[in-house]
């Protein structure tokens, strides 16, 4: 029984039964069953995570213009809040959409983690606990190959000792996949924040070493899946939509085309009634 039994036990039970079903029905080894289970879970919540990614991309697109609003209303907090709310509404962006999906994702990911952290929940079943032709002899073994005899006594049959270097190689693969996904998916313009998140796996490495190899397979799979999913969503998401700025003192709203503004400073204005009008451009050439 895990510490999460009172809260996450139903989800853990479903995931544990699904893992056993994949192993017995598909005939996969336990290692490949864990990888398949991770893929199935990520596929099931794909609509939620895709919506979260699209919302994060939209927030990233609006961030420079939001800074302009913050500078414009820096002395009037109430006016700034109203302008920002209007700004999000006009651009059809919900700032909470990138956070709310986590409420659903976190319990599922934690439950899957607890199931794999305690492999005795499925080790009573017979089967092959190796992976990649003996690269890993037993996925129930700790990553650092340091599982105690007392811990091994919980399993039937006894856990087989893994090659000493295999767990460390998996750890390096995990750190690399985590850094790659962080660099690719990080939307914050702050380079210091990106470095902090990218280096976090190095700080957690000493604690990660005490987890079973099955947990590491889950983490590596979910990192690679997240990276592929992010690239897929970005590929089919329009990140160059026009940005509607809040109305000025005369009730006019400016519509800014991101790409055009970068190349030629082109903008268009729209009245509050919605009728578009084009602002003429003046190009000055230096002689």
Foldseek 3Di string as FASTA:
>chain_A
DDPCCVPLVVLLVVLLVQLVCCCVPVVDFSLVSLLVSLVVVCVVCLVLVLQLLLLLLQCLLCVVVLVVLCVVCVPPPVVSVVQVVVQCVVVVHDNCSNPVSVVVVVSNVVSSLVCQQPVLSPLVDDGQQAPDVQQFRHQQAFLQQDDDPVSQVSGPPGGDGHDRCSSVVLLVLLLVLQLVLLVQRPSDPDVVVSVVSSCVSVVCVVVSRGGGNSSSSSSSSVSVVSSVSSVVSVVPHDSQAWGWGAADPQQKIKTHGVVCCVPPNFTWIAHNVGHTDGDDDDDDDDD
